[in-house]
Amino acid sequence: VLCGKGNNGGDGFVAARYLKEAGMQATCFLIGAEPANLTG
């Protein structure tokens, strides 16, 4: 899951969590930002 720092990336993190719960091997790549840059 390729995530940006905005809400679209937030959707990606949520999707990854649901996929992991379903047994998928999900990994998030945060592109062009640090976790500290995420807001809201």
PDB file of all heavy atoms in Angstrom:
ATOM      1  N   VAL A   1       0.860  -1.180   0.000  1.00  0.00           N
ATOM      2  CA  VAL A   1       0.000   0.000   0.000  1.00  0.00           C
ATOM      3  C   VAL A   1       0.894   1.226   0.000  1.00  0.00           C
ATOM      4  O   VAL A   1       1.645   1.464   0.951  1.00  0.00           O
ATOM      5  CB  VAL A   1      -0.940   0.014   1.219  1.00  0.00           C
ATOM      6  CG1 VAL A   1      -1.895   1.194   1.132  1.00  0.00           C
ATOM      7  CG2 VAL A   1      -1.722  -1.298   1.308  1.00  0.00           C
ATOM      8  N   LEU A   2       0.829   1.995  -1.076  1.00  0.00           N
ATOM      9  CA  LEU A   2       1.655   3.191  -1.234  1.00  0.00           C
ATOM     10  C   LEU A   2       0.875   4.383  -0.704  1.00  0.00           C
ATOM     11  O   LEU A   2      -0.141   4.779  -1.282  1.00  0.00           O
ATOM     12  CB  LEU A   2       2.005   3.387  -2.708  1.00  0.00           C
ATOM     13  CG  LEU A   2       2.725   2.199  -3.355  1.00  0.00           C
ATOM     14  CD1 LEU A   2       2.691   2.315  -4.868  1.00  0.00           C
ATOM     15  CD2 LEU A   2       4.142   2.098  -2.840  1.00  0.00           C
ATOM     16  N   CYS A   3       1.331   4.961   0.391  1.00  0.00           N
ATOM     17  CA  CYS A   3       0.586   6.006   1.089  1.00  0.00           C
ATOM     18  C   CYS A   3       1.278   7.362   0.961  1.00  0.00           C
ATOM     19  O   CYS A   3       2.493   7.462   1.146  1.00  0.00           O
ATOM     20  CB  CYS A   3       0.454   5.667   2.569  1.00  0.00           C
ATOM     21  SG  CYS A   3      -0.395   4.120   2.926  1.00  0.00           S
ATOM     22  N   GLY A   4       0.491   8.392   0.664  1.00  0.00           N
ATOM     23  CA  GLY A   4       0.959   9.759   0.794  1.00  0.00           C
ATOM     24  C   GLY A   4       0.650  10.254   2.199  1.00  0.00           C
ATOM     25  O   GLY A   4       0.129   9.528   3.035  1.00  0.00           O
ATOM     26  N   LYS A   5       0.930  11.530   2.455  1.00  0.00           N
ATOM     27  CA  LYS A   5       0.769  12.057   3.808  1.00  0.00           C
ATOM     28  C   LYS A   5      -0.633  12.593   4.096  1.00  0.00           C
ATOM     29  O   LYS A   5      -0.933  12.936   5.233  1.00  0.00           O
ATOM     30  CB  LYS A   5       1.792  13.148   4.079  1.00  0.00           C
ATOM     31  CG  LYS A   5       1.587  14.418   3.253  1.00  0.00           C
ATOM     32  CD  LYS A   5       2.626  15.467   3.635  1.00  0.00           C
ATOM     33  CE  LYS A   5       2.414  16.757   2.850  1.00  0.00           C
ATOM     34  NZ  LYS A   5       3.412  17.800   3.243  1.00  0.00           N
ATOM     35  N   GLY A   6      -1.505  12.655   3.063  1.00  0.00           N
ATOM     36  CA  GLY A   6      -2.836  13.219   3.248  1.00  0.00           C
ATOM     37  C   GLY A   6      -3.886  12.171   3.559  1.00  0.00           C
ATOM     38  O   GLY A   6      -3.578  11.030   3.921  1.00  0.00           O
ATOM     39  N   ASN A   7      -5.156  12.562   3.387  1.00  0.00           N
ATOM     40  CA  ASN A   7      -6.257  11.656   3.708  1.00  0.00           C
ATOM     41  C   ASN A   7      -6.303  10.440   2.790  1.00  0.00           C
ATOM     42  O   ASN A   7      -6.749   9.363   3.205  1.00  0.00           O
ATOM     43  CB  ASN A   7      -7.583  12.404   3.645  1.00  0.00           C
ATOM     44  CG  ASN A   7      -7.807  13.291   4.856  1.00  0.00           C
ATOM     45  OD1 ASN A   7      -7.090  13.174   5.856  1.00  0.00           O
ATOM     46  ND2 ASN A   7      -8.761  14.192   4.773  1.00  0.00           N
ATOM     47  N   ASN A   8      -5.845  10.590   1.551  1.00  0.00           N
ATOM     48  CA  ASN A   8      -5.792   9.433   0.660  1.00  0.00           C
ATOM     49  C   ASN A   8      -4.849   8.379   1.224  1.00  0.00           C
ATOM     50  O   ASN A   8      -5.151   7.183   1.218  1.00  0.00           O
ATOM     51  CB  ASN A   8      -5.346   9.886  -0.732  1.00  0.00           C
ATOM     52  CG  ASN A   8      -5.661   8.874  -1.819  1.00  0.00           C
ATOM     53  OD1 ASN A   8      -4.769   8.285  -2.403  1.00  0.00           O
ATOM     54  ND2 ASN A   8      -6.941   8.685  -2.107  1.00  0.00           N
ATOM     55  N   GLY A   9      -3.721   8.833   1.756  1.00  0.00           N
ATOM     56  CA  GLY A   9      -2.810   7.917   2.420  1.00  0.00           C
ATOM     57  C   GLY A   9      -3.424   7.308   3.664  1.00  0.00           C
ATOM     58  O   GLY A   9      -3.200   6.138   3.978  1.00  0.00           O
ATOM     59  N   GLY A  10      -4.229   8.113   4.391  1.00  0.00           N
ATOM     60  CA  GLY A  10      -4.934   7.581   5.554  1.00  0.00           C
ATOM     61  C   GLY A  10      -5.858   6.449   5.184  1.00  0.00           C
ATOM     62  O   GLY A  10      -5.934   5.426   5.886  1.00  0.00           O
ATOM     63  N   ASP A  11      -6.571   6.612   4.056  1.00  0.00           N
ATOM     64  CA  ASP A  11      -7.418   5.519   3.559  1.00  0.00           C
ATOM     65  C   ASP A  11      -6.586   4.260   3.335  1.00  0.00           C
ATOM     66  O   ASP A  11      -7.025   3.139   3.606  1.00  0.00           O
ATOM     67  CB  ASP A  11      -8.092   5.910   2.238  1.00  0.00           C
ATOM     68  CG  ASP A  11      -9.088   7.047   2.371  1.00  0.00           C
ATOM     69  OD1 ASP A  11      -9.505   7.356   3.505  1.00  0.00           O
ATOM     70  OD2 ASP A  11      -9.451   7.633   1.324  1.00  0.00           O
ATOM     71  N   GLY A  12      -5.359   4.452   2.828  1.00  0.00           N
ATOM     72  CA  GLY A  12      -4.478   3.318   2.577  1.00  0.00           C
ATOM     73  C   GLY A  12      -4.067   2.598   3.844  1.00  0.00           C
ATOM     74  O   GLY A  12      -4.043   1.358   3.888  1.00  0.00           O
ATOM     75  N   PHE A  13      -3.746   3.357   4.896  1.00  0.00           N
ATOM     76  CA  PHE A  13      -3.382   2.721   6.160  1.00  0.00           C
ATOM     77  C   PHE A  13      -4.548   1.917   6.727  1.00  0.00           C
ATOM     78  O   PHE A  13      -4.360   0.818   7.265  1.00  0.00           O
ATOM     79  CB  PHE A  13      -2.938   3.779   7.175  1.00  0.00           C
ATOM     80  CG  PHE A  13      -1.558   4.320   6.930  1.00  0.00           C
ATOM     81  CD1 PHE A  13      -1.363   5.663   6.641  1.00  0.00           C
ATOM     82  CD2 PHE A  13      -0.453   3.486   7.009  1.00  0.00           C
ATOM     83  CE1 PHE A  13      -0.092   6.167   6.417  1.00  0.00           C
ATOM     84  CE2 PHE A  13       0.822   3.980   6.785  1.00  0.00           C
ATOM     85  CZ  PHE A  13       1.005   5.331   6.484  1.00  0.00           C
ATOM     86  N   VAL A  14      -5.765   2.464   6.608  1.00  0.00           N
ATOM     87  CA  VAL A  14      -6.943   1.727   7.077  1.00  0.00           C
ATOM     88  C   VAL A  14      -7.125   0.449   6.266  1.00  0.00           C
ATOM     89  O   VAL A  14      -7.369  -0.630   6.821  1.00  0.00           O
ATOM     90  CB  VAL A  14      -8.208   2.598   6.996  1.00  0.00           C
ATOM     91  CG1 VAL A  14      -9.450   1.773   7.355  1.00  0.00           C
ATOM     92  CG2 VAL A  14      -8.102   3.801   7.921  1.00  0.00           C
ATOM     93  N   ALA A  15      -7.001   0.558   4.941  1.00  0.00           N
ATOM     94  CA  ALA A  15      -7.155  -0.617   4.085  1.00  0.00           C
ATOM     95  C   ALA A  15      -6.141  -1.694   4.457  1.00  0.00           C
ATOM     96  O   ALA A  15      -6.476  -2.883   4.530  1.00  0.00           O
ATOM     97  CB  ALA A  15      -6.995  -0.218   2.617  1.00  0.00           C
ATOM     98  N   ALA A  16      -4.897  -1.280   4.692  1.00  0.00           N
ATOM     99  CA  ALA A  16      -3.855  -2.241   5.063  1.00  0.00           C
ATOM    100  C   ALA A  16      -4.217  -2.967   6.354  1.00  0.00           C
ATOM    101  O   ALA A  16      -3.995  -4.184   6.487  1.00  0.00           O
ATOM    102  CB  ALA A  16      -2.526  -1.520   5.211  1.00  0.00           C
ATOM    103  N   ARG A  17      -4.764  -2.232   7.312  1.00  0.00           N
ATOM    104  CA  ARG A  17      -5.140  -2.857   8.591  1.00  0.00           C
ATOM    105  C   ARG A  17      -6.228  -3.910   8.387  1.00  0.00           C
ATOM    106  O   ARG A  17      -6.151  -5.021   8.932  1.00  0.00           O
ATOM    107  CB  ARG A  17      -5.614  -1.780   9.570  1.00  0.00           C
ATOM    108  CG  ARG A  17      -6.112  -2.303  10.902  1.00  0.00           C
ATOM    109  CD  ARG A  17      -6.163  -1.201  11.944  1.00  0.00           C
ATOM    110  NE  ARG A  17      -6.878  -0.031  11.491  1.00  0.00           N
ATOM    111  CZ  ARG A  17      -8.215   0.110  11.550  1.00  0.00           C
ATOM    112  NH1 ARG A  17      -8.959  -0.877  12.033  1.00  0.00           N
ATOM    113  NH2 ARG A  17      -8.788   1.218  11.136  1.00  0.00           N
ATOM    114  N   TYR A  18      -7.234  -3.591   7.568  1.00  0.00           N
ATOM    115  CA  TYR A  18      -8.293  -4.569   7.300  1.00  0.00           C
ATOM    116  C   TYR A  18      -7.740  -5.776   6.537  1.00  0.00           C
ATOM    117  O   TYR A  18      -8.141  -6.924   6.782  1.00  0.00           O
ATOM    118  CB  TYR A  18      -9.428  -3.927   6.510  1.00  0.00           C
ATOM    119  CG  TYR A  18     -10.423  -3.186   7.377  1.00  0.00           C
ATOM    120  CD1 TYR A  18     -10.475  -1.799   7.389  1.00  0.00           C
ATOM    121  CD2 TYR A  18     -11.326  -3.878   8.189  1.00  0.00           C
ATOM    122  CE1 TYR A  18     -11.385  -1.117   8.184  1.00  0.00           C
ATOM    123  CE2 TYR A  18     -12.232  -3.215   8.990  1.00  0.00           C
ATOM    124  CZ  TYR A  18     -12.261  -1.829   8.985  1.00  0.00           C
ATOM    125  OH  TYR A  18     -13.161  -1.165   9.783  1.00  0.00           O
ATOM    126  N   LEU A  19      -6.830  -5.534   5.616  1.00  0.00           N
ATOM    127  CA  LEU A  19      -6.241  -6.640   4.856  1.00  0.00           C
ATOM    128  C   LEU A  19      -5.405  -7.541   5.760  1.00  0.00           C
ATOM    129  O   LEU A  19      -5.448  -8.766   5.635  1.00  0.00           O
ATOM    130  CB  LEU A  19      -5.383  -6.090   3.723  1.00  0.00           C
ATOM    131  CG  LEU A  19      -6.148  -5.424   2.573  1.00  0.00           C
ATOM    132  CD1 LEU A  19      -5.193  -4.670   1.656  1.00  0.00           C
ATOM    133  CD2 LEU A  19      -6.947  -6.460   1.773  1.00  0.00           C
ATOM    134  N   LYS A  20      -4.651  -6.949   6.666  1.00  0.00           N
ATOM    135  CA  LYS A  20      -3.847  -7.731   7.610  1.00  0.00           C
ATOM    136  C   LYS A  20      -4.757  -8.588   8.485  1.00  0.00           C
ATOM    137  O   LYS A  20      -4.465  -9.768   8.739  1.00  0.00           O
ATOM    138  CB  LYS A  20      -2.994  -6.795   8.461  1.00  0.00           C
ATOM    139  CG  LYS A  20      -1.989  -7.483   9.365  1.00  0.00           C
ATOM    140  CD  LYS A  20      -1.091  -6.453  10.040  1.00  0.00           C
ATOM    141  CE  LYS A  20       0.028  -7.126  10.834  1.00  0.00           C
ATOM    142  NZ  LYS A  20      -0.477  -7.874  12.000  1.00  0.00           N
ATOM    143  N   GLU A  21      -5.867  -8.009   8.939  1.00  0.00           N
ATOM    144  CA  GLU A  21      -6.817  -8.768   9.753  1.00  0.00           C
ATOM    145  C   GLU A  21      -7.406  -9.945   8.980  1.00  0.00           C
ATOM    146  O   GLU A  21      -7.763 -10.968   9.566  1.00  0.00           O
ATOM    147  CB  GLU A  21      -7.938  -7.845  10.232  1.00  0.00           C
ATOM    148  CG  GLU A  21      -7.491  -6.811  11.258  1.00  0.00           C
ATOM    149  CD  GLU A  21      -8.581  -5.817  11.600  1.00  0.00           C
ATOM    150  OE1 GLU A  21      -9.684  -5.911  10.998  1.00  0.00           O
ATOM    151  OE2 GLU A  21      -8.352  -4.942  12.456  1.00  0.00           O
ATOM    152  N   ALA A  22      -7.496  -9.802   7.652  1.00  0.00           N
ATOM    153  CA  ALA A  22      -8.051 -10.861   6.809  1.00  0.00           C
ATOM    154  C   ALA A  22      -7.008 -11.901   6.412  1.00  0.00           C
ATOM    155  O   ALA A  22      -7.320 -12.837   5.669  1.00  0.00           O
ATOM    156  CB  ALA A  22      -8.685 -10.254   5.553  1.00  0.00           C
ATOM    157  N   GLY A  23      -5.767 -11.727   6.871  1.00  0.00           N
ATOM    158  CA  GLY A  23      -4.737 -12.722   6.591  1.00  0.00           C
ATOM    159  C   GLY A  23      -3.819 -12.395   5.439  1.00  0.00           C
ATOM    160  O   GLY A  23      -2.962 -13.218   5.073  1.00  0.00           O
ATOM    161  N   MET A  24      -3.940 -11.194   4.858  1.00  0.00           N
ATOM    162  CA  MET A  24      -3.060 -10.802   3.766  1.00  0.00           C
ATOM    163  C   MET A  24      -1.729 -10.308   4.326  1.00  0.00           C
ATOM    164  O   MET A  24      -1.643  -9.838   5.463  1.00  0.00           O
ATOM    165  CB  MET A  24      -3.705  -9.687   2.935  1.00  0.00           C
ATOM    166  CG  MET A  24      -5.084 -10.043   2.386  1.00  0.00           C
ATOM    167  SD  MET A  24      -5.014 -11.271   1.075  1.00  0.00           S
ATOM    168  CE  MET A  24      -4.437 -10.278  -0.283  1.00  0.00           C
ATOM    169  N   GLN A  25      -0.687 -10.391   3.507  1.00  0.00           N
ATOM    170  CA  GLN A  25       0.635  -9.885   3.872  1.00  0.00           C
ATOM    171  C   GLN A  25       0.740  -8.438   3.387  1.00  0.00           C
ATOM    172  O   GLN A  25       1.234  -8.161   2.295  1.00  0.00           O
ATOM    173  CB  GLN A  25       1.727 -10.754   3.253  1.00  0.00           C
ATOM    174  CG  GLN A  25       1.662 -12.214   3.659  1.00  0.00           C
ATOM    175  CD  GLN A  25       1.839 -12.403   5.155  1.00  0.00           C
ATOM    176  OE1 GLN A  25       2.735 -11.822   5.765  1.00  0.00           O
ATOM    177  NE2 GLN A  25       0.983 -13.216   5.760  1.00  0.00           N
ATOM    178  N   ALA A  26       0.245  -7.514   4.207  1.00  0.00           N
ATOM    179  CA  ALA A  26       0.180  -6.111   3.804  1.00  0.00           C
ATOM    180  C   ALA A  26       1.329  -5.320   4.405  1.00  0.00           C
ATOM    181  O   ALA A  26       1.657  -5.465   5.587  1.00  0.00           O
ATOM    182  CB  ALA A  26      -1.150  -5.498   4.234  1.00  0.00           C
ATOM    183  N   THR A  27       1.936  -4.470   3.575  1.00  0.00           N
ATOM    184  CA  THR A  27       2.990  -3.559   4.015  1.00  0.00           C
ATOM    185  C   THR A  27       2.682  -2.180   3.465  1.00  0.00           C
ATOM    186  O   THR A  27       2.276  -2.043   2.306  1.00  0.00           O
ATOM    187  CB  THR A  27       4.374  -3.999   3.496  1.00  0.00           C
ATOM    188  OG1 THR A  27       4.639  -5.333   3.933  1.00  0.00           O
ATOM    189  CG2 THR A  27       5.460  -3.074   4.006  1.00  0.00           C
ATOM    190  N   CYS A  28       2.855  -1.141   4.285  1.00  0.00           N
ATOM    191  CA  CYS A  28       2.650   0.229   3.841  1.00  0.00           C
ATOM    192  C   CYS A  28       3.990   0.894   3.536  1.00  0.00           C
ATOM    193  O   CYS A  28       4.945   0.737   4.303  1.00  0.00           O
ATOM    194  CB  CYS A  28       1.899   1.041   4.902  1.00  0.00           C
ATOM    195  SG  CYS A  28       0.178   0.559   5.127  1.00  0.00           S
ATOM    196  N   PHE A  29       4.050   1.608   2.430  1.00  0.00           N
ATOM    197  CA  PHE A  29       5.198   2.442   2.100  1.00  0.00           C
ATOM    198  C   PHE A  29       4.732   3.891   2.194  1.00  0.00           C
ATOM    199  O   PHE A  29       3.856   4.312   1.440  1.00  0.00           O
ATOM    200  CB  PHE A  29       5.692   2.178   0.675  1.00  0.00           C
ATOM    201  CG  PHE A  29       6.378   0.851   0.477  1.00  0.00           C
ATOM    202  CD1 PHE A  29       6.423  -0.110   1.468  1.00  0.00           C
ATOM    203  CD2 PHE A  29       6.984   0.570  -0.739  1.00  0.00           C
ATOM    204  CE1 PHE A  29       7.050  -1.331   1.267  1.00  0.00           C
ATOM    205  CE2 PHE A  29       7.623  -0.648  -0.958  1.00  0.00           C
ATOM    206  CZ  PHE A  29       7.659  -1.598   0.057  1.00  0.00           C
ATOM    207  N   LEU A  30       5.283   4.655   3.118  1.00  0.00           N
ATOM    208  CA  LEU A  30       4.953   6.077   3.243  1.00  0.00           C
ATOM    209  C   LEU A  30       5.908   6.856   2.353  1.00  0.00           C
ATOM    210  O   LEU A  30       7.111   6.894   2.601  1.00  0.00           O
ATOM    211  CB  LEU A  30       5.068   6.517   4.705  1.00  0.00           C
ATOM    212  CG  LEU A  30       4.771   7.992   5.005  1.00  0.00           C
ATOM    213  CD1 LEU A  30       3.373   8.380   4.551  1.00  0.00           C
ATOM    214  CD2 LEU A  30       4.947   8.271   6.497  1.00  0.00           C
ATOM    215  N   ILE A  31       5.358   7.467   1.304  1.00  0.00           N
ATOM    216  CA  ILE A  31       6.170   8.089   0.259  1.00  0.00           C
ATOM    217  C   ILE A  31       6.254   9.596   0.472  1.00  0.00           C
ATOM    218  O   ILE A  31       5.242  10.287   0.579  1.00  0.00           O
ATOM    219  CB  ILE A  31       5.582   7.807  -1.135  1.00  0.00           C
ATOM    220  CG1 ILE A  31       5.348   6.301  -1.347  1.00  0.00           C
ATOM    221  CG2 ILE A  31       6.480   8.375  -2.228  1.00  0.00           C
ATOM    222  CD1 ILE A  31       6.591   5.462  -1.341  1.00  0.00           C
ATOM    223  N   GLY A  32       7.492  10.097   0.520  1.00  0.00           N
ATOM    224  CA  GLY A  32       7.709  11.534   0.546  1.00  0.00           C
ATOM    225  C   GLY A  32       7.387  12.216   1.855  1.00  0.00           C
ATOM    226  O   GLY A  32       7.210  13.445   1.878  1.00  0.00           O
ATOM    227  N   ALA A  33       7.323  11.485   2.938  1.00  0.00           N
ATOM    228  CA  ALA A  33       6.975  12.077   4.231  1.00  0.00           C
ATOM    229  C   ALA A  33       7.446  11.168   5.359  1.00  0.00           C
ATOM    230  O   ALA A  33       7.708   9.983   5.158  1.00  0.00           O
ATOM    231  CB  ALA A  33       5.467  12.312   4.338  1.00  0.00           C
ATOM    232  N   GLU A  34       7.539  11.738   6.537  1.00  0.00           N
ATOM    233  CA  GLU A  34       7.789  10.997   7.763  1.00  0.00           C
ATOM    234  C   GLU A  34       6.472  10.814   8.501  1.00  0.00           C
ATOM    235  O   GLU A  34       5.540  11.609   8.328  1.00  0.00           O
ATOM    236  CB  GLU A  34       8.761  11.773   8.659  1.00  0.00           C
ATOM    237  CG  GLU A  34      10.175  11.869   8.139  1.00  0.00           C
ATOM    238  CD  GLU A  34      10.994  10.623   8.459  1.00  0.00           C
ATOM    239  OE1 GLU A  34      10.451   9.700   9.111  1.00  0.00           O
ATOM    240  OE2 GLU A  34      12.167  10.592   8.062  1.00  0.00           O
ATOM    241  N   PRO A  35       6.352   9.794   9.344  1.00  0.00           N
ATOM    242  CA  PRO A  35       5.131   9.648  10.138  1.00  0.00           C
ATOM    243  C   PRO A  35       4.774  10.911  10.927  1.00  0.00           C
ATOM    244  O   PRO A  35       3.596  11.229  11.104  1.00  0.00           O
ATOM    245  CB  PRO A  35       5.458   8.472  11.065  1.00  0.00           C
ATOM    246  CG  PRO A  35       6.421   7.650  10.274  1.00  0.00           C
ATOM    247  CD  PRO A  35       7.259   8.643   9.530  1.00  0.00           C
ATOM    248  N   ALA A  36       5.788  11.653  11.351  1.00  0.00           N
ATOM    249  CA  ALA A  36       5.531  12.885  12.109  1.00  0.00           C
ATOM    250  C   ALA A  36       4.854  13.951  11.264  1.00  0.00           C
ATOM    251  O   ALA A  36       4.260  14.899  11.811  1.00  0.00           O
ATOM    252  CB  ALA A  36       6.840  13.428  12.667  1.00  0.00           C
ATOM    253  N   ASN A  37       4.916  13.820   9.935  1.00  0.00           N
ATOM    254  CA  ASN A  37       4.257  14.783   9.054  1.00  0.00           C
ATOM    255  C   ASN A  37       2.766  14.539   8.915  1.00  0.00           C
ATOM    256  O   ASN A  37       2.039  15.394   8.387  1.00  0.00           O
ATOM    257  CB  ASN A  37       4.886  14.740   7.647  1.00  0.00           C
ATOM    258  CG  ASN A  37       6.368  15.048   7.635  1.00  0.00           C
ATOM    259  OD1 ASN A  37       7.139  14.367   6.974  1.00  0.00           O
ATOM    260  ND2 ASN A  37       6.780  16.076   8.367  1.00  0.00           N
ATOM    261  N   LEU A  38       2.291  13.375   9.362  1.00  0.00           N
ATOM    262  CA  LEU A  38       0.880  13.046   9.225  1.00  0.00           C
ATOM    263  C   LEU A  38       0.064  13.819  10.252  1.00  0.00           C
ATOM    264  O   LEU A  38       0.487  14.007  11.401  1.00  0.00           O
ATOM    265  CB  LEU A  38       0.665  11.545   9.420  1.00  0.00           C
ATOM    266  CG  LEU A  38       1.438  10.623   8.478  1.00  0.00           C
ATOM    267  CD1 LEU A  38       1.186   9.162   8.844  1.00  0.00           C
ATOM    268  CD2 LEU A  38       1.058  10.875   7.029  1.00  0.00           C
ATOM    269  N   THR A  39      -1.114  14.249   9.845  1.00  0.00           N
ATOM    270  CA  THR A  39      -1.987  15.003  10.737  1.00  0.00           C
ATOM    271  C   THR A  39      -3.417  14.478  10.647  1.00  0.00           C
ATOM    272  O   THR A  39      -3.762  13.730   9.733  1.00  0.00           O
ATOM    273  CB  THR A  39      -1.991  16.501  10.379  1.00  0.00           C
ATOM    274  OG1 THR A  39      -2.457  16.668   9.030  1.00  0.00           O
ATOM    275  CG2 THR A  39      -0.600  17.107  10.510  1.00  0.00           C
ATOM    276  N   GLY A  40      -4.245  14.887  11.610  1.00  0.00           N
ATOM    277  CA  GLY A  40      -5.667  14.583  11.564  1.00  0.00           C
ATOM    278  C   GLY A  40      -5.977  13.108  11.478  1.00  0.00           C
ATOM    279  O   GLY A  40      -5.354  12.272  12.143  1.00  0.00           O
TER     280      GLY A  40
END
